[in-house]
Amino acid sequence: ALATAIGLAIARGCHVALAALGLATLFKAAPWTFEVVRLAGAAYLLWLGIQCLRSNMLPNLNTNGTAAAKLAWREAIQRGLLTNLLNPKALL
């Protein structure tokens, strides 16, 4: 959960930077760009759902600080980052 929260926080920082650069204004001026990002986010969430159904839904808690634990942290940060970054409503 902490790794996912880190990914969400990084994405929030990216949203602030993108808003400062005018991406929110672009979304308002050209609504199709908002739709592209929204559909990409929906596709990513669908892909995550399919991956959950195809694999064991419970996390592997028996990593004991090995390389698998580092990979699990990296994946959790990446999922949190992508989930929040592909949510264009947060920019608006």
PDB file of N, CA and C in Angstrom:
ATOM      1  N   ALA A   1       0.827  -1.188   0.000  1.00  0.00           N
ATOM      2  CA  ALA A   1       0.000   0.000   0.000  1.00  0.00           C
ATOM      3  C   ALA A   1       0.875   1.256   0.000  1.00  0.00           C
ATOM      4  N   LEU A   2       1.976   1.189   0.744  1.00  0.00           N
ATOM      5  CA  LEU A   2       2.874   2.348   0.800  1.00  0.00           C
ATOM      6  C   LEU A   2       3.499   2.604  -0.571  1.00  0.00           C
ATOM      7  N   ALA A   3       3.885   1.551  -1.263  1.00  0.00           N
ATOM      8  CA  ALA A   3       4.481   1.715  -2.589  1.00  0.00           C
ATOM      9  C   ALA A   3       3.471   2.304  -3.565  1.00  0.00           C
ATOM     10  N   THR A   4       2.219   1.860  -3.490  1.00  0.00           N
ATOM     11  CA  THR A   4       1.186   2.415  -4.362  1.00  0.00           C
ATOM     12  C   THR A   4       0.953   3.883  -4.035  1.00  0.00           C
ATOM     13  N   ALA A   5       0.951   4.221  -2.755  1.00  0.00           N
ATOM     14  CA  ALA A   5       0.786   5.622  -2.354  1.00  0.00           C
ATOM     15  C   ALA A   5       1.935   6.483  -2.869  1.00  0.00           C
ATOM     16  N   ILE A   6       3.135   5.932  -2.893  1.00  0.00           N
ATOM     17  CA  ILE A   6       4.282   6.658  -3.446  1.00  0.00           C
ATOM     18  C   ILE A   6       4.056   6.932  -4.929  1.00  0.00           C
ATOM     19  N   GLY A   7       3.586   5.916  -5.661  1.00  0.00           N
ATOM     20  CA  GLY A   7       3.283   6.101  -7.081  1.00  0.00           C
ATOM     21  C   GLY A   7       2.206   7.144  -7.305  1.00  0.00           C
ATOM     22  N   LEU A   8       1.171   7.130  -6.456  1.00  0.00           N
ATOM     23  CA  LEU A   8       0.108   8.129  -6.564  1.00  0.00           C
ATOM     24  C   LEU A   8       0.639   9.538  -6.289  1.00  0.00           C
ATOM     25  N   ALA A   9       1.526   9.643  -5.314  1.00  0.00           N
ATOM     26  CA  ALA A   9       2.106  10.956  -4.987  1.00  0.00           C
ATOM     27  C   ALA A   9       2.975  11.474  -6.138  1.00  0.00           C
ATOM     28  N   ILE A  10       3.740  10.600  -6.748  1.00  0.00           N
ATOM     29  CA  ILE A  10       4.561  11.014  -7.897  1.00  0.00           C
ATOM     30  C   ILE A  10       3.668  11.498  -9.028  1.00  0.00           C
ATOM     31  N   ALA A  11       2.580  10.767  -9.273  1.00  0.00           N
ATOM     32  CA  ALA A  11       1.644  11.167 -10.330  1.00  0.00           C
ATOM     33  C   ALA A  11       1.009  12.517 -10.007  1.00  0.00           C
ATOM     34  N   ARG A  12       0.691  12.753  -8.734  1.00  0.00           N
ATOM     35  CA  ARG A  12       0.100  14.041  -8.355  1.00  0.00           C
ATOM     36  C   ARG A  12       1.092  15.170  -8.624  1.00  0.00           C
ATOM     37  N   GLY A  13       2.368  14.922  -8.333  1.00  0.00           N
ATOM     38  CA  GLY A  13       3.396  15.915  -8.649  1.00  0.00           C
ATOM     39  C   GLY A  13       3.484  16.173 -10.144  1.00  0.00           C
ATOM     40  N   CYS A  14       3.357  15.110 -10.931  1.00  0.00           N
ATOM     41  CA  CYS A  14       3.352  15.267 -12.396  1.00  0.00           C
ATOM     42  C   CYS A  14       2.143  16.073 -12.844  1.00  0.00           C
ATOM     43  N   HIS A  15       0.972  15.845 -12.210  1.00  0.00           N
ATOM     44  CA  HIS A  15      -0.230  16.612 -12.565  1.00  0.00           C
ATOM     45  C   HIS A  15      -0.024  18.097 -12.293  1.00  0.00           C
ATOM     46  N   VAL A  16       0.603  18.403 -11.188  1.00  0.00           N
ATOM     47  CA  VAL A  16       0.861  19.816 -10.858  1.00  0.00           C
ATOM     48  C   VAL A  16       1.780  20.429 -11.914  1.00  0.00           C
ATOM     49  N   ALA A  17       2.833  19.702 -12.286  1.00  0.00           N
ATOM     50  CA  ALA A  17       3.764  20.214 -13.302  1.00  0.00           C
ATOM     51  C   ALA A  17       3.079  20.359 -14.654  1.00  0.00           C
ATOM     52  N   LEU A  18       2.258  19.363 -15.028  1.00  0.00           N
ATOM     53  CA  LEU A  18       1.564  19.444 -16.315  1.00  0.00           C
ATOM     54  C   LEU A  18       0.539  20.572 -16.324  1.00  0.00           C
ATOM     55  N   ALA A  19      -0.131  20.788 -15.217  1.00  0.00           N
ATOM     56  CA  ALA A  19      -1.080  21.903 -15.140  1.00  0.00           C
ATOM     57  C   ALA A  19      -0.341  23.228 -15.286  1.00  0.00           C
ATOM     58  N   ALA A  20       0.824  23.319 -14.670  1.00  0.00           N
ATOM     59  CA  ALA A  20       1.618  24.543 -14.793  1.00  0.00           C
ATOM     60  C   ALA A  20       2.068  24.772 -16.228  1.00  0.00           C
ATOM     61  N   LEU A  21       2.278  23.686 -16.961  1.00  0.00           N
ATOM     62  CA  LEU A  21       2.692  23.799 -18.357  1.00  0.00           C
ATOM     63  C   LEU A  21       1.517  24.031 -19.308  1.00  0.00           C
ATOM     64  N   GLY A  22       0.298  23.978 -18.791  1.00  0.00           N
ATOM     65  CA  GLY A  22      -0.862  24.294 -19.625  1.00  0.00           C
ATOM     66  C   GLY A  22      -1.595  23.104 -20.190  1.00  0.00           C
ATOM     67  N   LEU A  23      -1.369  21.903 -19.690  1.00  0.00           N
ATOM     68  CA  LEU A  23      -2.058  20.741 -20.243  1.00  0.00           C
ATOM     69  C   LEU A  23      -3.557  20.795 -19.968  1.00  0.00           C
ATOM     70  N   ALA A  24      -3.956  21.297 -18.811  1.00  0.00           N
ATOM     71  CA  ALA A  24      -5.379  21.421 -18.509  1.00  0.00           C
ATOM     72  C   ALA A  24      -6.057  22.361 -19.499  1.00  0.00           C
ATOM     73  N   THR A  25      -5.366  23.421 -19.872  1.00  0.00           N
ATOM     74  CA  THR A  25      -5.905  24.353 -20.861  1.00  0.00           C
ATOM     75  C   THR A  25      -6.057  23.677 -22.210  1.00  0.00           C
ATOM     76  N   LEU A  26      -5.079  22.835 -22.577  1.00  0.00           N
ATOM     77  CA  LEU A  26      -5.177  22.075 -23.827  1.00  0.00           C
ATOM     78  C   LEU A  26      -6.384  21.153 -23.802  1.00  0.00           C
ATOM     79  N   PHE A  27      -6.621  20.491 -22.669  1.00  0.00           N
ATOM     80  CA  PHE A  27      -7.774  19.596 -22.560  1.00  0.00           C
ATOM     81  C   PHE A  27      -9.085  20.361 -22.734  1.00  0.00           C
ATOM     82  N   LYS A  28      -9.145  21.578 -22.214  1.00  0.00           N
ATOM     83  CA  LYS A  28     -10.368  22.371 -22.365  1.00  0.00           C
ATOM     84  C   LYS A  28     -10.508  22.910 -23.788  1.00  0.00           C
ATOM     85  N   ALA A  29      -9.391  23.260 -24.400  1.00  0.00           N
ATOM     86  CA  ALA A  29      -9.436  23.824 -25.756  1.00  0.00           C
ATOM     87  C   ALA A  29      -9.682  22.755 -26.816  1.00  0.00           C
ATOM     88  N   ALA A  30      -9.125  21.578 -26.613  1.00  0.00           N
ATOM     89  CA  ALA A  30      -9.288  20.475 -27.572  1.00  0.00           C
ATOM     90  C   ALA A  30      -9.808  19.251 -26.812  1.00  0.00           C
ATOM     91  N   PRO A  31     -11.117  19.135 -26.704  1.00  0.00           N
ATOM     92  CA  PRO A  31     -11.700  18.061 -25.902  1.00  0.00           C
ATOM     93  C   PRO A  31     -11.301  16.648 -26.353  1.00  0.00           C
ATOM     94  N   TRP A  32     -10.914  16.497 -27.591  1.00  0.00           N
ATOM     95  CA  TRP A  32     -10.533  15.164 -28.053  1.00  0.00           C
ATOM     96  C   TRP A  32      -9.268  14.670 -27.358  1.00  0.00           C
ATOM     97  N   THR A  33      -8.389  15.585 -26.948  1.00  0.00           N
ATOM     98  CA  THR A  33      -7.191  15.161 -26.224  1.00  0.00           C
ATOM     99  C   THR A  33      -7.552  14.601 -24.851  1.00  0.00           C
ATOM    100  N   PHE A  34      -8.552  15.205 -24.211  1.00  0.00           N
ATOM    101  CA  PHE A  34      -9.048  14.687 -22.938  1.00  0.00           C
ATOM    102  C   PHE A  34      -9.606  13.278 -23.128  1.00  0.00           C
ATOM    103  N   GLU A  35     -10.357  13.087 -24.210  1.00  0.00           N
ATOM    104  CA  GLU A  35     -10.953  11.774 -24.488  1.00  0.00           C
ATOM    105  C   GLU A  35      -9.884  10.721 -24.748  1.00  0.00           C
ATOM    106  N   VAL A  36      -8.806  11.095 -25.431  1.00  0.00           N
ATOM    107  CA  VAL A  36      -7.724  10.140 -25.701  1.00  0.00           C
ATOM    108  C   VAL A  36      -7.095   9.669 -24.397  1.00  0.00           C
ATOM    109  N   VAL A  37      -6.797  10.597 -23.508  1.00  0.00           N
ATOM    110  CA  VAL A  37      -6.196  10.229 -22.221  1.00  0.00           C
ATOM    111  C   VAL A  37      -7.186   9.433 -21.376  1.00  0.00           C
ATOM    112  N   ARG A  38      -8.452   9.815 -21.420  1.00  0.00           N
ATOM    113  CA  ARG A  38      -9.481   9.103 -20.655  1.00  0.00           C
ATOM    114  C   ARG A  38      -9.624   7.667 -21.145  1.00  0.00           C
ATOM    115  N   LEU A  39      -9.624   7.467 -22.460  1.00  0.00           N
ATOM    116  CA  LEU A  39      -9.732   6.117 -23.018  1.00  0.00           C
ATOM    117  C   LEU A  39      -8.473   5.298 -22.740  1.00  0.00           C
ATOM    118  N   ALA A  40      -7.315   5.929 -22.760  1.00  0.00           N
ATOM    119  CA  ALA A  40      -6.079   5.218 -22.412  1.00  0.00           C
ATOM    120  C   ALA A  40      -6.128   4.764 -20.957  1.00  0.00           C
ATOM    121  N   GLY A  41      -6.644   5.609 -20.084  1.00  0.00           N
ATOM    122  CA  GLY A  41      -6.793   5.229 -18.682  1.00  0.00           C
ATOM    123  C   GLY A  41      -7.771   4.085 -18.501  1.00  0.00           C
ATOM    124  N   ALA A  42      -8.883   4.122 -19.227  1.00  0.00           N
ATOM    125  CA  ALA A  42      -9.865   3.040 -19.150  1.00  0.00           C
ATOM    126  C   ALA A  42      -9.267   1.733 -19.659  1.00  0.00           C
ATOM    127  N   ALA A  43      -8.492   1.809 -20.740  1.00  0.00           N
ATOM    128  CA  ALA A  43      -7.849   0.604 -21.272  1.00  0.00           C
ATOM    129  C   ALA A  43      -6.842   0.040 -20.274  1.00  0.00           C
ATOM    130  N   TYR A  44      -6.118   0.916 -19.593  1.00  0.00           N
ATOM    131  CA  TYR A  44      -5.147   0.449 -18.598  1.00  0.00           C
ATOM    132  C   TYR A  44      -5.856  -0.225 -17.428  1.00  0.00           C
ATOM    133  N   LEU A  45      -6.945   0.365 -16.954  1.00  0.00           N
ATOM    134  CA  LEU A  45      -7.690  -0.250 -15.855  1.00  0.00           C
ATOM    135  C   LEU A  45      -8.294  -1.585 -16.273  1.00  0.00           C
ATOM    136  N   LEU A  46      -8.756  -1.691 -17.499  1.00  0.00           N
ATOM    137  CA  LEU A  46      -9.265  -2.964 -18.017  1.00  0.00           C
ATOM    138  C   LEU A  46      -8.152  -4.000 -18.061  1.00  0.00           C
ATOM    139  N   TRP A  47      -6.976  -3.603 -18.526  1.00  0.00           N
ATOM    140  CA  TRP A  47      -5.830  -4.513 -18.573  1.00  0.00           C
ATOM    141  C   TRP A  47      -5.460  -4.988 -17.171  1.00  0.00           C
ATOM    142  N   LEU A  48      -5.464  -4.065 -16.192  1.00  0.00           N
ATOM    143  CA  LEU A  48      -5.177  -4.450 -14.810  1.00  0.00           C
ATOM    144  C   LEU A  48      -6.199  -5.452 -14.295  1.00  0.00           C
ATOM    145  N   GLY A  49      -7.469  -5.231 -14.612  1.00  0.00           N
ATOM    146  CA  GLY A  49      -8.510  -6.148 -14.181  1.00  0.00           C
ATOM    147  C   GLY A  49      -8.335  -7.534 -14.776  1.00  0.00           C
ATOM    148  N   ILE A  50      -7.987  -7.592 -16.048  1.00  0.00           N
ATOM    149  CA  ILE A  50      -7.753  -8.883 -16.704  1.00  0.00           C
ATOM    150  C   ILE A  50      -6.555  -9.581 -16.081  1.00  0.00           C
ATOM    151  N   GLN A  51      -5.501  -8.823 -15.793  1.00  0.00           N
ATOM    152  CA  GLN A  51      -4.322  -9.411 -15.155  1.00  0.00           C
ATOM    153  C   GLN A  51      -4.668  -9.976 -13.777  1.00  0.00           C
ATOM    154  N   CYS A  52      -5.530  -9.288 -13.041  1.00  0.00           N
ATOM    155  CA  CYS A  52      -5.946  -9.788 -11.721  1.00  0.00           C
ATOM    156  C   CYS A  52      -6.735 -11.079 -11.851  1.00  0.00           C
ATOM    157  N   LEU A  53      -7.594 -11.156 -12.840  1.00  0.00           N
ATOM    158  CA  LEU A  53      -8.389 -12.361 -13.026  1.00  0.00           C
ATOM    159  C   LEU A  53      -7.541 -13.541 -13.498  1.00  0.00           C
ATOM    160  N   ARG A  54      -6.513 -13.279 -14.279  1.00  0.00           N
ATOM    161  CA  ARG A  54      -5.663 -14.342 -14.819  1.00  0.00           C
ATOM    162  C   ARG A  54      -4.659 -14.877 -13.808  1.00  0.00           C
ATOM    163  N   SER A  55      -4.324 -14.082 -12.816  1.00  0.00           N
ATOM    164  CA  SER A  55      -3.307 -14.502 -11.858  1.00  0.00           C
ATOM    165  C   SER A  55      -3.914 -14.687 -10.486  1.00  0.00           C
ATOM    166  N   ASN A  56      -3.076 -15.108  -9.576  1.00  0.00           N
ATOM    167  CA  ASN A  56      -3.500 -15.216  -8.192  1.00  0.00           C
ATOM    168  C   ASN A  56      -3.743 -13.813  -7.665  1.00  0.00           C
ATOM    169  N   MET A  57      -4.915 -13.566  -7.109  1.00  0.00           N
ATOM    170  CA  MET A  57      -5.260 -12.213  -6.684  1.00  0.00           C
ATOM    171  C   MET A  57      -4.590 -11.814  -5.375  1.00  0.00           C
ATOM    172  N   LEU A  58      -4.080 -12.742  -4.615  1.00  0.00           N
ATOM    173  CA  LEU A  58      -3.437 -12.416  -3.357  1.00  0.00           C
ATOM    174  C   LEU A  58      -1.960 -12.121  -3.582  1.00  0.00           C
ATOM    175  N   PRO A  59      -1.422 -11.086  -2.963  1.00  0.00           N
ATOM    176  CA  PRO A  59       0.004 -10.781  -3.140  1.00  0.00           C
ATOM    177  C   PRO A  59       0.870 -11.837  -2.465  1.00  0.00           C
ATOM    178  N   ASN A  60       2.072 -11.988  -2.965  1.00  0.00           N
ATOM    179  CA  ASN A  60       3.026 -12.911  -2.378  1.00  0.00           C
ATOM    180  C   ASN A  60       3.708 -12.216  -1.212  1.00  0.00           C
ATOM    181  N   LEU A  61       3.363 -12.629   0.013  1.00  0.00           N
ATOM    182  CA  LEU A  61       3.904 -11.979   1.200  1.00  0.00           C
ATOM    183  C   LEU A  61       5.130 -12.694   1.741  1.00  0.00           C
ATOM    184  N   ASN A  62       5.588 -13.740   1.099  1.00  0.00           N
ATOM    185  CA  ASN A  62       6.724 -14.523   1.573  1.00  0.00           C
ATOM    186  C   ASN A  62       8.007 -14.167   0.836  1.00  0.00           C
ATOM    187  N   THR A  63       8.277 -12.897   0.658  1.00  0.00           N
ATOM    188  CA  THR A  63       9.441 -12.492  -0.122  1.00  0.00           C
ATOM    189  C   THR A  63      10.687 -12.341   0.729  1.00  0.00           C
ATOM    190  N   ASN A  64      10.538 -12.030   2.022  1.00  0.00           N
ATOM    191  CA  ASN A  64      11.659 -11.915   2.954  1.00  0.00           C
ATOM    192  C   ASN A  64      12.782 -11.003   2.467  1.00  0.00           C
ATOM    193  N   GLY A  65      12.457  -9.876   1.864  1.00  0.00           N
ATOM    194  CA  GLY A  65      13.478  -8.910   1.475  1.00  0.00           C
ATOM    195  C   GLY A  65      14.316  -9.312   0.275  1.00  0.00           C
ATOM    196  N   THR A  66      13.848 -10.201  -0.543  1.00  0.00           N
ATOM    197  CA  THR A  66      14.609 -10.648  -1.706  1.00  0.00           C
ATOM    198  C   THR A  66      14.361  -9.727  -2.892  1.00  0.00           C
ATOM    199  N   ALA A  67      14.906 -10.125  -4.018  1.00  0.00           N
ATOM    200  CA  ALA A  67      14.713  -9.339  -5.238  1.00  0.00           C
ATOM    201  C   ALA A  67      13.241  -9.297  -5.628  1.00  0.00           C
ATOM    202  N   ALA A  68      12.487 -10.331  -5.252  1.00  0.00           N
ATOM    203  CA  ALA A  68      11.053 -10.336  -5.557  1.00  0.00           C
ATOM    204  C   ALA A  68      10.342  -9.211  -4.815  1.00  0.00           C
ATOM    205  N   ALA A  69      10.779  -8.900  -3.604  1.00  0.00           N
ATOM    206  CA  ALA A  69      10.171  -7.806  -2.847  1.00  0.00           C
ATOM    207  C   ALA A  69      10.435  -6.474  -3.533  1.00  0.00           C
ATOM    208  N   LYS A  70      11.642  -6.292  -4.043  1.00  0.00           N
ATOM    209  CA  LYS A  70      11.959  -5.055  -4.756  1.00  0.00           C
ATOM    210  C   LYS A  70      11.108  -4.939  -6.013  1.00  0.00           C
ATOM    211  N   LEU A  71      10.917  -6.069  -6.707  1.00  0.00           N
ATOM    212  CA  LEU A  71      10.091  -6.065  -7.906  1.00  0.00           C
ATOM    213  C   LEU A  71       8.641  -5.752  -7.547  1.00  0.00           C
ATOM    214  N   ALA A  72       8.150  -6.305  -6.444  1.00  0.00           N
ATOM    215  CA  ALA A  72       6.782  -6.036  -6.023  1.00  0.00           C
ATOM    216  C   ALA A  72       6.603  -4.548  -5.710  1.00  0.00           C
ATOM    217  N   TRP A  73       7.579  -3.931  -5.033  1.00  0.00           N
ATOM    218  CA  TRP A  73       7.525  -2.498  -4.751  1.00  0.00           C
ATOM    219  C   TRP A  73       7.513  -1.699  -6.045  1.00  0.00           C
ATOM    220  N   ARG A  74       8.388  -2.054  -6.963  1.00  0.00           N
ATOM    221  CA  ARG A  74       8.484  -1.338  -8.242  1.00  0.00           C
ATOM    222  C   ARG A  74       7.159  -1.437  -8.995  1.00  0.00           C
ATOM    223  N   GLU A  75       6.568  -2.634  -9.027  1.00  0.00           N
ATOM    224  CA  GLU A  75       5.294  -2.815  -9.724  1.00  0.00           C
ATOM    225  C   GLU A  75       4.181  -2.023  -9.055  1.00  0.00           C
ATOM    226  N   ALA A  76       4.162  -1.999  -7.723  1.00  0.00           N
ATOM    227  CA  ALA A  76       3.127  -1.258  -7.009  1.00  0.00           C
ATOM    228  C   ALA A  76       3.267   0.244  -7.262  1.00  0.00           C
ATOM    229  N   ILE A  77       4.484   0.741  -7.252  1.00  0.00           N
ATOM    230  CA  ILE A  77       4.705   2.168  -7.546  1.00  0.00           C
ATOM    231  C   ILE A  77       4.270   2.468  -8.978  1.00  0.00           C
ATOM    232  N   GLN A  78       4.631   1.593  -9.903  1.00  0.00           N
ATOM    233  CA  GLN A  78       4.268   1.797 -11.304  1.00  0.00           C
ATOM    234  C   GLN A  78       2.754   1.787 -11.485  1.00  0.00           C
ATOM    235  N   ARG A  79       2.069   0.860 -10.836  1.00  0.00           N
ATOM    236  CA  ARG A  79       0.607   0.805 -10.961  1.00  0.00           C
ATOM    237  C   ARG A  79      -0.042   2.054 -10.372  1.00  0.00           C
ATOM    238  N   GLY A  80       0.414   2.485  -9.213  1.00  0.00           N
ATOM    239  CA  GLY A  80      -0.132   3.710  -8.627  1.00  0.00           C
ATOM    240  C   GLY A  80       0.116   4.921  -9.509  1.00  0.00           C
ATOM    241  N   LEU A  81       1.313   4.994 -10.070  1.00  0.00           N
ATOM    242  CA  LEU A  81       1.676   6.107 -10.949  1.00  0.00           C
ATOM    243  C   LEU A  81       0.800   6.133 -12.188  1.00  0.00           C
ATOM    244  N   LEU A  82       0.704   5.004 -12.874  1.00  0.00           N
ATOM    245  CA  LEU A  82      -0.070   4.962 -14.117  1.00  0.00           C
ATOM    246  C   LEU A  82      -1.556   5.163 -13.871  1.00  0.00           C
ATOM    247  N   THR A  83      -2.072   4.585 -12.800  1.00  0.00           N
ATOM    248  CA  THR A  83      -3.493   4.725 -12.511  1.00  0.00           C
ATOM    249  C   THR A  83      -3.852   6.189 -12.299  1.00  0.00           C
ATOM    250  N   ASN A  84      -3.048   6.920 -11.570  1.00  0.00           N
ATOM    251  CA  ASN A  84      -3.355   8.324 -11.310  1.00  0.00           C
ATOM    252  C   ASN A  84      -2.953   9.216 -12.473  1.00  0.00           C
ATOM    253  N   LEU A  85      -1.879   8.895 -13.157  1.00  0.00           N
ATOM    254  CA  LEU A  85      -1.428   9.729 -14.274  1.00  0.00           C
ATOM    255  C   LEU A  85      -2.400   9.668 -15.451  1.00  0.00           C
ATOM    256  N   LEU A  86      -3.013   8.506 -15.655  1.00  0.00           N
ATOM    257  CA  LEU A  86      -3.963   8.355 -16.758  1.00  0.00           C
ATOM    258  C   LEU A  86      -5.380   8.783 -16.365  1.00  0.00           C
ATOM    259  N   ASN A  87      -5.509   9.516 -15.282  1.00  0.00           N
ATOM    260  CA  ASN A  87      -6.801  10.056 -14.858  1.00  0.00           C
ATOM    261  C   ASN A  87      -6.803  11.552 -15.156  1.00  0.00           C
ATOM    262  N   PRO A  88      -7.268  11.934 -16.334  1.00  0.00           N
ATOM    263  CA  PRO A  88      -7.183  13.350 -16.723  1.00  0.00           C
ATOM    264  C   PRO A  88      -8.098  14.252 -15.915  1.00  0.00           C
ATOM    265  N   LYS A  89      -9.100  13.689 -15.252  1.00  0.00           N
ATOM    266  CA  LYS A  89      -9.993  14.531 -14.445  1.00  0.00           C
ATOM    267  C   LYS A  89      -9.229  15.190 -13.291  1.00  0.00           C
ATOM    268  N   ALA A  90      -8.174  14.561 -12.848  1.00  0.00           N
ATOM    269  CA  ALA A  90      -7.379  15.156 -11.761  1.00  0.00           C
ATOM    270  C   ALA A  90      -6.734  16.460 -12.222  1.00  0.00           C
ATOM    271  N   LEU A  91      -6.404  16.576 -13.494  1.00  0.00           N
ATOM    272  CA  LEU A  91      -5.821  17.813 -14.006  1.00  0.00           C
ATOM    273  C   LEU A  91      -6.837  18.946 -14.042  1.00  0.00           C
ATOM    274  N   LEU A  92      -8.043  18.582 -14.370  1.00  0.00           N
ATOM    275  CA  LEU A  92      -9.073  19.620 -14.527  1.00  0.00           C
ATOM    276  C   LEU A  92      -9.584  20.062 -13.179  1.00  0.00           C
TER     277      LEU A  92
END
